Amino acid sequence: MQDDDPYVARASAPQALLEISGLTKAFGPHSVLKGVDLKIAPNAVHAVIGPNGAGKTTLVNVITGVHPPSGGTIAFAGEDVTDLAVHHRARRGLARTFQITNLFGDLNAQENVEVALAGTRRYRLARLDADVRARAGATTARDLLALVGLATAAQVKAEVLSHGDQRLLEVAVALACQPRLLLLDEPSAGMSPAETKAFIDLVNERLRGKVTIVLIEHDMAVVMGTADRICVLAGGAVLADGTPNEIMQNPFVREAYLGRA
């Protein structure tokens, strides 16, 4: 029987941190995911690419519990989480960002991160008085902002940050949840070339090896500049999964997505 407790300790990590088997998702008569199989190794940066309508965001929504699957299984850290609620998956270490910016616009950057910190189990159970907890939360929030390159924007309201900085703030908010797996849904969308370069540096220089990343992305410079492996979705099914070089050389991928040239 599934334990309702949102945290279950594991003695040893499995070979795959996330393993998806035969995953399907249909909305009425329309099948969006069609038997997706995918394994994500611990500490990897695994990109998921594909044309519009391939099912990429639906895949993220099913992995994180926003939508229940129509079939198949999802295992996270060796545990079947297929039927778990969103908050139980989050407490086990699944965090995400969204295609559309999802921040508290009237709060500053530091406050946005502090809100996320306040919901973590470790923060809520800390045996500290409220003032000490608040100071600790503020320090951790500033550290996370510095990590993503927003140290000087801590007191700036989220709604007046540039689009690129809002995307980075969302990453800081997600990291505040202390994830083992971070799903980033088109994080570089709308970024300038300089902001995109800063995001690539963030992944490669400060996040790699500290958290497993699943990257949903259209910008091939970001994908090729960060990913250890790439999964290509087409029509809701996995067309290919391999190293960046293998994907670039795959004739079916080149025809379906990257282009014949």
C-alpha atoms as a PDB file:
ATOM      1  CA  MET A   1       0.000   0.000   0.000  1.00  0.00           C
ATOM      2  CA  GLN A   2       1.285   3.460  -0.854  1.00  0.00           C
ATOM      3  CA  ASP A   3       2.522   5.334   2.218  1.00  0.00           C
ATOM      4  CA  ASP A   4       0.840   8.748   2.405  1.00  0.00           C
ATOM      5  CA  ASP A   5       3.884  10.326   4.028  1.00  0.00           C
ATOM      6  CA  PRO A   6       5.380  12.804   1.525  1.00  0.00           C
ATOM      7  CA  TYR A   7       8.967  11.765   2.233  1.00  0.00           C
ATOM      8  CA  VAL A   8      10.352   8.257   2.041  1.00  0.00           C
ATOM      9  CA  ALA A   9      14.085   7.776   2.668  1.00  0.00           C
ATOM     10  CA  ARG A  10      16.009   5.634   0.217  1.00  0.00           C
ATOM     11  CA  ALA A  11      19.083   3.628   1.184  1.00  0.00           C
ATOM     12  CA  SER A  12      20.665   3.798  -2.276  1.00  0.00           C
ATOM     13  CA  ALA A  13      20.007   5.699  -5.478  1.00  0.00           C
ATOM     14  CA  PRO A  14      18.897   3.727  -8.541  1.00  0.00           C
ATOM     15  CA  GLN A  15      20.766   3.869 -11.839  1.00  0.00           C
ATOM     16  CA  ALA A  16      18.031   6.115 -13.242  1.00  0.00           C
ATOM     17  CA  LEU A  17      16.736   8.914 -11.053  1.00  0.00           C
ATOM     18  CA  LEU A  18      13.628   9.184 -13.233  1.00  0.00           C
ATOM     19  CA  GLU A  19      12.303   6.266 -15.277  1.00  0.00           C
ATOM     20  CA  ILE A  20       9.239   6.590 -17.495  1.00  0.00           C
ATOM     21  CA  SER A  21       7.742   3.456 -19.054  1.00  0.00           C
ATOM     22  CA  GLY A  22       4.995   3.281 -21.669  1.00  0.00           C
ATOM     23  CA  LEU A  23       3.630   6.708 -20.727  1.00  0.00           C
ATOM     24  CA  THR A  24       0.474   7.745 -22.533  1.00  0.00           C
ATOM     25  CA  LYS A  25      -1.788  10.755 -22.188  1.00  0.00           C
ATOM     26  CA  ALA A  26      -5.026  11.427 -24.024  1.00  0.00           C
ATOM     27  CA  PHE A  27      -7.402  14.363 -23.791  1.00  0.00           C
ATOM     28  CA  GLY A  28     -10.677  12.902 -24.961  1.00  0.00           C
ATOM     29  CA  PRO A  29     -10.042  11.266 -28.347  1.00  0.00           C
ATOM     30  CA  HIS A  30      -6.756  13.144 -28.851  1.00  0.00           C
ATOM     31  CA  SER A  31      -3.618  11.210 -27.862  1.00  0.00           C
ATOM     32  CA  VAL A  32      -0.782  13.562 -26.919  1.00  0.00           C
ATOM     33  CA  LEU A  33       1.730  11.074 -25.480  1.00  0.00           C
ATOM     34  CA  LYS A  34       2.046   7.657 -27.084  1.00  0.00           C
ATOM     35  CA  GLY A  35       4.071   5.110 -25.144  1.00  0.00           C
ATOM     36  CA  VAL A  36       6.955   7.310 -24.046  1.00  0.00           C
ATOM     37  CA  ASP A  37       9.949   5.510 -22.514  1.00  0.00           C
ATOM     38  CA  LEU A  38      12.650   7.676 -20.961  1.00  0.00           C
ATOM     39  CA  LYS A  39      15.420   7.273 -18.379  1.00  0.00           C
ATOM     40  CA  ILE A  40      17.122  10.237 -16.716  1.00  0.00           C
ATOM     41  CA  ALA A  41      20.457   9.526 -15.033  1.00  0.00           C
ATOM     42  CA  PRO A  42      21.363  11.207 -11.733  1.00  0.00           C
ATOM     43  CA  ASN A  43      23.118  14.582 -12.154  1.00  0.00           C
ATOM     44  CA  ALA A  44      22.599  14.555 -15.932  1.00  0.00           C
ATOM     45  CA  VAL A  45      21.371  17.421 -18.079  1.00  0.00           C
ATOM     46  CA  HIS A  46      18.835  15.687 -20.347  1.00  0.00           C
ATOM     47  CA  ALA A  47      17.140  17.806 -22.994  1.00  0.00           C
ATOM     48  CA  VAL A  48      13.747  17.041 -24.538  1.00  0.00           C
ATOM     49  CA  ILE A  49      13.231  18.627 -27.931  1.00  0.00           C
ATOM     50  CA  GLY A  50      10.698  18.377 -30.721  1.00  0.00           C
ATOM     51  CA  PRO A  51       8.445  20.466 -32.961  1.00  0.00           C
ATOM     52  CA  ASN A  52       5.461  22.368 -31.605  1.00  0.00           C
ATOM     53  CA  GLY A  53       2.725  19.928 -30.627  1.00  0.00           C
ATOM     54  CA  ALA A  54       5.162  17.077 -30.003  1.00  0.00           C
ATOM     55  CA  GLY A  55       3.930  16.686 -26.411  1.00  0.00           C
ATOM     56  CA  LYS A  56       6.886  18.196 -24.533  1.00  0.00           C
ATOM     57  CA  THR A  57       4.974  20.333 -22.031  1.00  0.00           C
ATOM     58  CA  THR A  58       2.359  17.600 -21.577  1.00  0.00           C
ATOM     59  CA  LEU A  59       5.220  15.265 -20.671  1.00  0.00           C
ATOM     60  CA  VAL A  60       6.410  17.701 -17.984  1.00  0.00           C
ATOM     61  CA  ASN A  61       2.866  18.118 -16.677  1.00  0.00           C
ATOM     62  CA  VAL A  62       2.412  14.359 -16.370  1.00  0.00           C
ATOM     63  CA  ILE A  63       5.826  13.855 -14.737  1.00  0.00           C
ATOM     64  CA  THR A  64       5.070  16.511 -12.113  1.00  0.00           C
ATOM     65  CA  GLY A  65       1.490  15.350 -11.503  1.00  0.00           C
ATOM     66  CA  VAL A  66      -0.393  18.277 -13.019  1.00  0.00           C
ATOM     67  CA  HIS A  67      -2.125  15.808 -15.357  1.00  0.00           C
ATOM     68  CA  PRO A  68      -2.668  12.115 -14.545  1.00  0.00           C
ATOM     69  CA  PRO A  69      -1.350   9.735 -17.196  1.00  0.00           C
ATOM     70  CA  SER A  70      -3.732   7.662 -19.272  1.00  0.00           C
ATOM     71  CA  GLY A  71      -1.320   4.743 -19.041  1.00  0.00           C
ATOM     72  CA  GLY A  72       2.228   3.782 -18.176  1.00  0.00           C
ATOM     73  CA  THR A  73       4.340   4.345 -15.067  1.00  0.00           C
ATOM     74  CA  ILE A  74       6.647   6.987 -13.586  1.00  0.00           C
ATOM     75  CA  ALA A  75       9.351   5.963 -11.109  1.00  0.00           C
ATOM     76  CA  PHE A  76      11.362   8.575  -9.221  1.00  0.00           C
ATOM     77  CA  ALA A  77      14.367   7.549  -7.107  1.00  0.00           C
ATOM     78  CA  GLY A  78      13.185   3.952  -7.316  1.00  0.00           C
ATOM     79  CA  GLU A  79       9.645   4.693  -6.143  1.00  0.00           C
ATOM     80  CA  ASP A  80       6.479   4.469  -8.219  1.00  0.00           C
ATOM     81  CA  VAL A  81       5.046   8.010  -8.154  1.00  0.00           C
ATOM     82  CA  THR A  82       2.570   7.542 -11.009  1.00  0.00           C
ATOM     83  CA  ASP A  83      -0.469   8.249  -8.836  1.00  0.00           C
ATOM     84  CA  LEU A  84       1.029  10.721  -6.358  1.00  0.00           C
ATOM     85  CA  ALA A  85      -0.327  14.255  -5.998  1.00  0.00           C
ATOM     86  CA  VAL A  86       1.734  17.252  -7.144  1.00  0.00           C
ATOM     87  CA  HIS A  87       2.746  18.293  -3.622  1.00  0.00           C
ATOM     88  CA  HIS A  88       3.909  14.788  -2.714  1.00  0.00           C
ATOM     89  CA  ARG A  89       6.110  14.674  -5.806  1.00  0.00           C
ATOM     90  CA  ALA A  90       7.474  18.123  -4.964  1.00  0.00           C
ATOM     91  CA  ARG A  91       8.369  17.010  -1.448  1.00  0.00           C
ATOM     92  CA  ARG A  92      10.217  14.034  -2.885  1.00  0.00           C
ATOM     93  CA  GLY A  93      12.359  16.407  -4.915  1.00  0.00           C
ATOM     94  CA  LEU A  94      10.579  17.173  -8.208  1.00  0.00           C
ATOM     95  CA  ALA A  95      10.562  20.897  -9.053  1.00  0.00           C
ATOM     96  CA  ARG A  96       9.782  22.778 -12.257  1.00  0.00           C
ATOM     97  CA  THR A  97       9.531  26.094 -14.021  1.00  0.00           C
ATOM     98  CA  PHE A  98       6.812  27.028 -16.524  1.00  0.00           C
ATOM     99  CA  GLN A  99       6.670  28.345 -20.087  1.00  0.00           C
ATOM    100  CA  ILE A 100       4.739  31.366 -18.848  1.00  0.00           C
ATOM    101  CA  THR A 101       6.373  33.331 -16.047  1.00  0.00           C
ATOM    102  CA  ASN A 102       4.843  32.298 -12.722  1.00  0.00           C
ATOM    103  CA  LEU A 103       6.003  34.769 -10.073  1.00  0.00           C
ATOM    104  CA  PHE A 104       4.501  37.120  -7.475  1.00  0.00           C
ATOM    105  CA  GLY A 105       4.895  40.351  -9.424  1.00  0.00           C
ATOM    106  CA  ASP A 106       4.280  42.670  -6.467  1.00  0.00           C
ATOM    107  CA  LEU A 107       6.967  40.963  -4.349  1.00  0.00           C
ATOM    108  CA  ASN A 108      10.651  41.608  -4.836  1.00  0.00           C
ATOM    109  CA  ALA A 109      13.034  38.904  -6.020  1.00  0.00           C
ATOM    110  CA  GLN A 110      14.199  37.957  -2.530  1.00  0.00           C
ATOM    111  CA  GLU A 111      10.641  37.732  -1.235  1.00  0.00           C
ATOM    112  CA  ASN A 112       9.663  35.435  -4.108  1.00  0.00           C
ATOM    113  CA  VAL A 113      12.445  33.033  -3.122  1.00  0.00           C
ATOM    114  CA  GLU A 114      11.586  33.321   0.590  1.00  0.00           C
ATOM    115  CA  VAL A 115       7.993  32.298  -0.148  1.00  0.00           C
ATOM    116  CA  ALA A 116       9.291  29.114  -1.770  1.00  0.00           C
ATOM    117  CA  LEU A 117      11.691  28.480   1.106  1.00  0.00           C
ATOM    118  CA  ALA A 118       8.900  28.841   3.658  1.00  0.00           C
ATOM    119  CA  GLY A 119       7.107  25.895   2.103  1.00  0.00           C
ATOM    120  CA  THR A 120      10.013  23.469   2.359  1.00  0.00           C
ATOM    121  CA  ARG A 121       9.858  20.749   4.964  1.00  0.00           C
ATOM    122  CA  ARG A 122      13.257  21.540   6.469  1.00  0.00           C
ATOM    123  CA  TYR A 123      12.366  25.211   6.895  1.00  0.00           C
ATOM    124  CA  ARG A 124       8.935  24.518   8.412  1.00  0.00           C
ATOM    125  CA  LEU A 125      10.277  21.980  10.918  1.00  0.00           C
ATOM    126  CA  ALA A 126      13.327  23.974  11.978  1.00  0.00           C
ATOM    127  CA  ARG A 127      13.467  24.358  15.775  1.00  0.00           C
ATOM    128  CA  LEU A 128      14.056  28.082  15.605  1.00  0.00           C
ATOM    129  CA  ASP A 129      11.986  31.048  16.600  1.00  0.00           C
ATOM    130  CA  ALA A 130      10.271  33.040  13.883  1.00  0.00           C
ATOM    131  CA  ASP A 131      12.851  35.851  13.758  1.00  0.00           C
ATOM    132  CA  VAL A 132      15.792  33.457  13.448  1.00  0.00           C
ATOM    133  CA  ARG A 133      13.946  31.471  10.779  1.00  0.00           C
ATOM    134  CA  ALA A 134      13.217  34.662   8.855  1.00  0.00           C
ATOM    135  CA  ARG A 135      16.870  35.738   8.931  1.00  0.00           C
ATOM    136  CA  ALA A 136      18.003  32.285   7.832  1.00  0.00           C
ATOM    137  CA  GLY A 137      15.469  32.356   5.008  1.00  0.00           C
ATOM    138  CA  ALA A 138      16.657  35.781   3.869  1.00  0.00           C
ATOM    139  CA  THR A 139      20.277  34.604   3.812  1.00  0.00           C
ATOM    140  CA  THR A 140      19.440  31.480   1.836  1.00  0.00           C
ATOM    141  CA  ALA A 141      17.305  33.501  -0.582  1.00  0.00           C
ATOM    142  CA  ARG A 142      20.171  35.914  -1.247  1.00  0.00           C
ATOM    143  CA  ASP A 143      22.547  32.970  -1.776  1.00  0.00           C
ATOM    144  CA  LEU A 144      20.177  31.460  -4.359  1.00  0.00           C
ATOM    145  CA  LEU A 145      19.790  34.791  -6.131  1.00  0.00           C
ATOM    146  CA  ALA A 146      23.570  35.102  -6.290  1.00  0.00           C
ATOM    147  CA  LEU A 147      23.773  31.576  -7.685  1.00  0.00           C
ATOM    148  CA  VAL A 148      21.558  32.447 -10.655  1.00  0.00           C
ATOM    149  CA  GLY A 149      23.193  35.841 -11.204  1.00  0.00           C
ATOM    150  CA  LEU A 150      20.601  38.090  -9.561  1.00  0.00           C
ATOM    151  CA  ALA A 151      22.518  39.233  -6.482  1.00  0.00           C
ATOM    152  CA  THR A 152      21.964  42.914  -7.295  1.00  0.00           C
ATOM    153  CA  ALA A 153      18.233  42.445  -7.986  1.00  0.00           C
ATOM    154  CA  ALA A 154      17.202  41.129  -4.554  1.00  0.00           C
ATOM    155  CA  GLN A 155      15.073  44.180  -3.706  1.00  0.00           C
ATOM    156  CA  VAL A 156      13.636  44.712  -7.197  1.00  0.00           C
ATOM    157  CA  LYS A 157       9.980  43.824  -7.708  1.00  0.00           C
ATOM    158  CA  ALA A 158       9.553  40.796  -9.936  1.00  0.00           C
ATOM    159  CA  GLU A 159       7.163  42.628 -12.251  1.00  0.00           C
ATOM    160  CA  VAL A 160       9.798  45.188 -13.268  1.00  0.00           C
ATOM    161  CA  LEU A 161      12.619  42.722 -13.865  1.00  0.00           C
ATOM    162  CA  SER A 162      13.576  42.055 -17.467  1.00  0.00           C
ATOM    163  CA  HIS A 163      12.085  38.937 -19.020  1.00  0.00           C
ATOM    164  CA  GLY A 164      15.433  37.171 -18.856  1.00  0.00           C
ATOM    165  CA  ASP A 165      15.876  38.029 -15.179  1.00  0.00           C
ATOM    166  CA  GLN A 166      12.347  36.815 -14.447  1.00  0.00           C
ATOM    167  CA  ARG A 167      13.277  33.464 -15.994  1.00  0.00           C
ATOM    168  CA  LEU A 168      16.390  33.287 -13.808  1.00  0.00           C
ATOM    169  CA  LEU A 169      14.315  34.212 -10.758  1.00  0.00           C
ATOM    170  CA  GLU A 170      12.007  31.293 -11.523  1.00  0.00           C
ATOM    171  CA  VAL A 171      15.033  29.005 -11.467  1.00  0.00           C
ATOM    172  CA  ALA A 172      16.018  30.404  -8.048  1.00  0.00           C
ATOM    173  CA  VAL A 173      12.474  29.843  -6.770  1.00  0.00           C
ATOM    174  CA  ALA A 174      12.539  26.249  -8.025  1.00  0.00           C
ATOM    175  CA  LEU A 175      15.954  25.657  -6.423  1.00  0.00           C
ATOM    176  CA  ALA A 176      14.561  26.930  -3.119  1.00  0.00           C
ATOM    177  CA  CYS A 177      12.453  23.760  -3.055  1.00  0.00           C
ATOM    178  CA  GLN A 178      15.695  21.736  -2.763  1.00  0.00           C
ATOM    179  CA  PRO A 179      14.953  19.554  -5.795  1.00  0.00           C
ATOM    180  CA  ARG A 180      16.725  16.404  -6.833  1.00  0.00           C
ATOM    181  CA  LEU A 181      15.251  16.822 -10.315  1.00  0.00           C
ATOM    182  CA  LEU A 182      14.637  20.236 -11.887  1.00  0.00           C
ATOM    183  CA  LEU A 183      12.397  20.408 -14.966  1.00  0.00           C
ATOM    184  CA  LEU A 184      12.872  23.613 -16.952  1.00  0.00           C
ATOM    185  CA  ASP A 185      10.147  24.277 -19.526  1.00  0.00           C
ATOM    186  CA  GLU A 186      11.619  26.484 -22.279  1.00  0.00           C
ATOM    187  CA  PRO A 187      13.696  28.590 -19.852  1.00  0.00           C
ATOM    188  CA  SER A 188      15.489  30.580 -22.573  1.00  0.00           C
ATOM    189  CA  ALA A 189      12.331  31.572 -24.470  1.00  0.00           C
ATOM    190  CA  GLY A 190      12.379  35.325 -25.085  1.00  0.00           C
ATOM    191  CA  MET A 191      15.918  35.790 -23.792  1.00  0.00           C
ATOM    192  CA  SER A 192      18.422  38.018 -25.559  1.00  0.00           C
ATOM    193  CA  PRO A 193      21.643  36.412 -26.852  1.00  0.00           C
ATOM    194  CA  ALA A 194      23.524  37.718 -23.799  1.00  0.00           C
ATOM    195  CA  GLU A 195      20.871  36.359 -21.435  1.00  0.00           C
ATOM    196  CA  THR A 196      20.921  33.017 -23.223  1.00  0.00           C
ATOM    197  CA  LYS A 197      24.696  32.846 -22.826  1.00  0.00           C
ATOM    198  CA  ALA A 198      24.305  33.627 -19.101  1.00  0.00           C
ATOM    199  CA  PHE A 199      21.756  30.818 -18.771  1.00  0.00           C
ATOM    200  CA  ILE A 200      24.075  28.323 -20.477  1.00  0.00           C
ATOM    201  CA  ASP A 201      26.861  29.361 -18.096  1.00  0.00           C
ATOM    202  CA  LEU A 202      24.512  28.931 -15.120  1.00  0.00           C
ATOM    203  CA  VAL A 203      23.714  25.350 -16.119  1.00  0.00           C
ATOM    204  CA  ASN A 204      27.277  24.381 -16.983  1.00  0.00           C
ATOM    205  CA  GLU A 205      29.208  26.184 -14.272  1.00  0.00           C
ATOM    206  CA  ARG A 206      26.916  26.303 -11.245  1.00  0.00           C
ATOM    207  CA  LEU A 207      24.125  23.720 -11.546  1.00  0.00           C
ATOM    208  CA  ARG A 208      25.742  20.784 -13.314  1.00  0.00           C
ATOM    209  CA  GLY A 209      26.476  17.944 -10.898  1.00  0.00           C
ATOM    210  CA  LYS A 210      24.390  19.513  -8.118  1.00  0.00           C
ATOM    211  CA  VAL A 211      20.925  18.773  -9.472  1.00  0.00           C
ATOM    212  CA  THR A 212      19.536  16.588 -12.259  1.00  0.00           C
ATOM    213  CA  ILE A 213      18.031  18.740 -15.012  1.00  0.00           C
ATOM    214  CA  VAL A 214      15.412  17.952 -17.635  1.00  0.00           C
ATOM    215  CA  LEU A 215      15.447  20.772 -20.165  1.00  0.00           C
ATOM    216  CA  ILE A 216      12.503  21.373 -22.525  1.00  0.00           C
ATOM    217  CA  GLU A 217      13.940  23.697 -25.129  1.00  0.00           C
ATOM    218  CA  HIS A 218      13.631  24.972 -28.705  1.00  0.00           C
ATOM    219  CA  ASP A 219      16.908  26.901 -28.811  1.00  0.00           C
ATOM    220  CA  MET A 220      19.389  24.396 -30.226  1.00  0.00           C
ATOM    221  CA  ALA A 221      22.343  26.498 -29.054  1.00  0.00           C
ATOM    222  CA  VAL A 222      21.129  25.985 -25.482  1.00  0.00           C
ATOM    223  CA  VAL A 223      20.482  22.283 -26.052  1.00  0.00           C
ATOM    224  CA  MET A 224      23.818  21.557 -27.701  1.00  0.00           C
ATOM    225  CA  GLY A 225      25.630  23.792 -25.223  1.00  0.00           C
ATOM    226  CA  THR A 226      24.320  22.076 -22.098  1.00  0.00           C
ATOM    227  CA  ALA A 227      22.798  18.625 -22.668  1.00  0.00           C
ATOM    228  CA  ASP A 228      24.524  15.319 -21.947  1.00  0.00           C
ATOM    229  CA  ARG A 229      21.697  13.473 -23.710  1.00  0.00           C
ATOM    230  CA  ILE A 230      18.788  14.521 -25.881  1.00  0.00           C
ATOM    231  CA  CYS A 231      15.352  12.948 -26.282  1.00  0.00           C
ATOM    232  CA  VAL A 232      13.459  13.889 -29.439  1.00  0.00           C
ATOM    233  CA  LEU A 233       9.664  13.769 -29.319  1.00  0.00           C
ATOM    234  CA  ALA A 234       7.585  13.761 -32.477  1.00  0.00           C
ATOM    235  CA  GLY A 235       3.854  13.215 -32.551  1.00  0.00           C
ATOM    236  CA  GLY A 236       3.827  12.248 -28.871  1.00  0.00           C
ATOM    237  CA  ALA A 237       6.361   9.429 -29.266  1.00  0.00           C
ATOM    238  CA  VAL A 238      10.116   9.161 -28.765  1.00  0.00           C
ATOM    239  CA  LEU A 239      11.800   9.474 -32.142  1.00  0.00           C
ATOM    240  CA  ALA A 240      15.341   9.189 -30.772  1.00  0.00           C
ATOM    241  CA  ASP A 241      17.308   9.400 -27.541  1.00  0.00           C
ATOM    242  CA  GLY A 242      21.089   9.727 -27.409  1.00  0.00           C
ATOM    243  CA  THR A 243      24.102  11.967 -27.091  1.00  0.00           C
ATOM    244  CA  PRO A 244      24.083  15.341 -28.871  1.00  0.00           C
ATOM    245  CA  ASN A 245      26.348  13.963 -31.600  1.00  0.00           C
ATOM    246  CA  GLU A 246      24.106  10.923 -32.105  1.00  0.00           C
ATOM    247  CA  ILE A 247      21.043  13.139 -32.376  1.00  0.00           C
ATOM    248  CA  MET A 248      22.703  15.483 -34.851  1.00  0.00           C
ATOM    249  CA  GLN A 249      23.681  12.536 -37.038  1.00  0.00           C
ATOM    250  CA  ASN A 250      20.322  10.738 -36.839  1.00  0.00           C
ATOM    251  CA  PRO A 251      18.700  11.013 -40.299  1.00  0.00           C
ATOM    252  CA  PHE A 252      15.161  10.689 -38.930  1.00  0.00           C
ATOM    253  CA  VAL A 253      15.750  13.544 -36.481  1.00  0.00           C
ATOM    254  CA  ARG A 254      17.329  15.696 -39.153  1.00  0.00           C
ATOM    255  CA  GLU A 255      14.338  15.187 -41.434  1.00  0.00           C
ATOM    256  CA  ALA A 256      11.639  15.554 -38.746  1.00  0.00           C
ATOM    257  CA  TYR A 257      13.079  18.411 -36.720  1.00  0.00           C
ATOM    258  CA  LEU A 258      16.601  19.677 -37.360  1.00  0.00           C
ATOM    259  CA  GLY A 259      16.165  19.944 -41.129  1.00  0.00           C
ATOM    260  CA  ARG A 260      17.808  18.150 -44.024  1.00  0.00           C
ATOM    261  CA  ALA A 261      20.597  20.741 -44.252  1.00  0.00           C
END
